[in-house]
């Protein structure tokens, strides 16, 4: 969706990584699925573990995206200042 809105690749990646931090909703949906019998204990465990790991990795991923965005911003600014852009 971010690419359709003309975001750059790194901006789109940042949006995607930021969405990984939505663990609370995933926990609730997994619990509802388990209680309704839609998923079994094995799938529930995999969903919870995966969600937990993604939630832990989100902050590092956002930091990496932030560094890349800042680097791209500086490169664009220096190109414009030097008259090349």
Protein backbone atom coordinates (compact mmCIF):
# COMPACT_ATOMS: atom_id res chain seq x y z
CA UNK A 1 0.00 0.00 0.00
CA UNK A 2 2.82 2.40 0.84
CA UNK A 3 4.34 1.86 -2.62
CA UNK A 4 0.96 2.66 -4.21
CA UNK A 5 1.04 5.95 -2.29
CA UNK A 6 4.40 6.73 -3.95
CA UNK A 7 6.54 6.13 -0.84
CA UNK A 8 10.15 5.18 -1.56
CA UNK A 9 11.23 1.59 -0.96
CA UNK A 10 12.87 2.44 2.38
CA UNK A 11 9.84 4.47 3.49
CA UNK A 12 7.60 1.53 2.56
CA UNK A 13 9.84 -0.85 4.47
CA UNK A 14 9.68 1.44 7.51
CA UNK A 15 5.87 1.37 7.41
CA UNK A 16 5.92 -2.43 7.14
CA UNK A 17 8.38 -2.88 10.00
CA UNK A 18 6.34 -0.50 12.14
CA UNK A 19 3.25 -2.63 11.61
CA UNK A 20 5.04 -5.64 13.12
CA UNK A 21 4.69 -4.04 16.54
CA UNK A 22 0.96 -4.75 16.70
CA UNK A 23 1.36 -7.72 19.03
CA UNK A 24 -1.60 -7.01 21.31
CA UNK A 25 -4.14 -7.52 18.57
CA UNK A 26 -2.45 -10.71 17.37
CA UNK A 27 -2.48 -12.12 20.92
CA UNK A 28 -6.19 -11.37 21.24
CA UNK A 29 -7.07 -12.88 17.87
CA UNK A 30 -5.02 -16.00 18.59
CA UNK A 31 -6.76 -16.42 21.96
CA UNK A 32 -10.18 -16.01 20.34
CA UNK A 33 -9.26 -18.55 17.64
CA UNK A 34 -8.13 -21.03 20.29
CA UNK A 35 -11.24 -20.56 22.42
CA UNK A 36 -13.51 -21.03 19.38
CA UNK A 37 -11.66 -24.18 18.33
CA UNK A 38 -10.55 -22.66 15.02
CA UNK A 39 -6.90 -23.34 15.86
CA UNK A 40 -5.29 -25.94 18.11
CA UNK A 41 -2.66 -25.51 20.84
CA UNK A 42 0.24 -26.10 18.45
CA UNK A 43 -0.83 -23.37 16.03
CA UNK A 44 -1.64 -21.06 18.96
CA UNK A 45 1.87 -21.56 20.36
CA UNK A 46 3.48 -20.87 16.98
CA UNK A 47 1.37 -17.72 16.51
CA UNK A 48 2.21 -16.39 19.97
CA UNK A 49 5.93 -17.18 19.64
CA UNK A 50 6.14 -15.62 16.18
CA UNK A 51 4.25 -12.52 17.28
CA UNK A 52 6.44 -12.16 20.34
CA UNK A 53 9.65 -12.43 18.31
CA UNK A 54 8.43 -9.97 15.68
CA UNK A 55 7.49 -7.55 18.43
CA UNK A 56 10.99 -7.82 19.91
CA UNK A 57 12.65 -7.25 16.53
CA UNK A 58 10.48 -4.26 15.59
CA UNK A 59 12.50 -1.68 17.51
CA UNK A 60 15.78 -2.81 15.92
CA UNK A 61 14.20 -2.85 12.48
CA UNK A 62 12.80 0.64 12.93
CA UNK A 63 16.19 1.89 14.10
CA UNK A 64 17.87 0.42 11.01
CA UNK A 65 15.23 2.01 8.76
CA UNK A 66 15.68 5.33 10.56
CA UNK A 67 19.44 5.28 10.01
CA UNK A 68 18.95 4.48 6.31
CA UNK A 69 16.33 7.21 5.90
CA UNK A 70 18.62 9.75 7.57
CA UNK A 71 21.54 8.69 5.36
CA UNK A 72 19.38 9.05 2.23
CA UNK A 73 18.19 12.46 3.43
CA UNK A 74 21.78 13.69 3.94
CA UNK A 75 22.84 12.37 0.52
CA UNK A 76 19.89 14.11 -1.13
CA UNK A 77 20.62 17.35 0.72
CA UNK A 78 24.31 17.32 -0.20
CA UNK A 79 23.47 16.60 -3.84
CA UNK A 80 21.04 19.54 -3.92
CA UNK A 81 23.49 21.86 -2.14
CA UNK A 82 26.30 20.95 -4.53
CA UNK A 83 24.08 21.78 -7.49
CA UNK A 84 24.05 18.26 -8.86
CA UNK A 85 20.38 17.66 -8.14
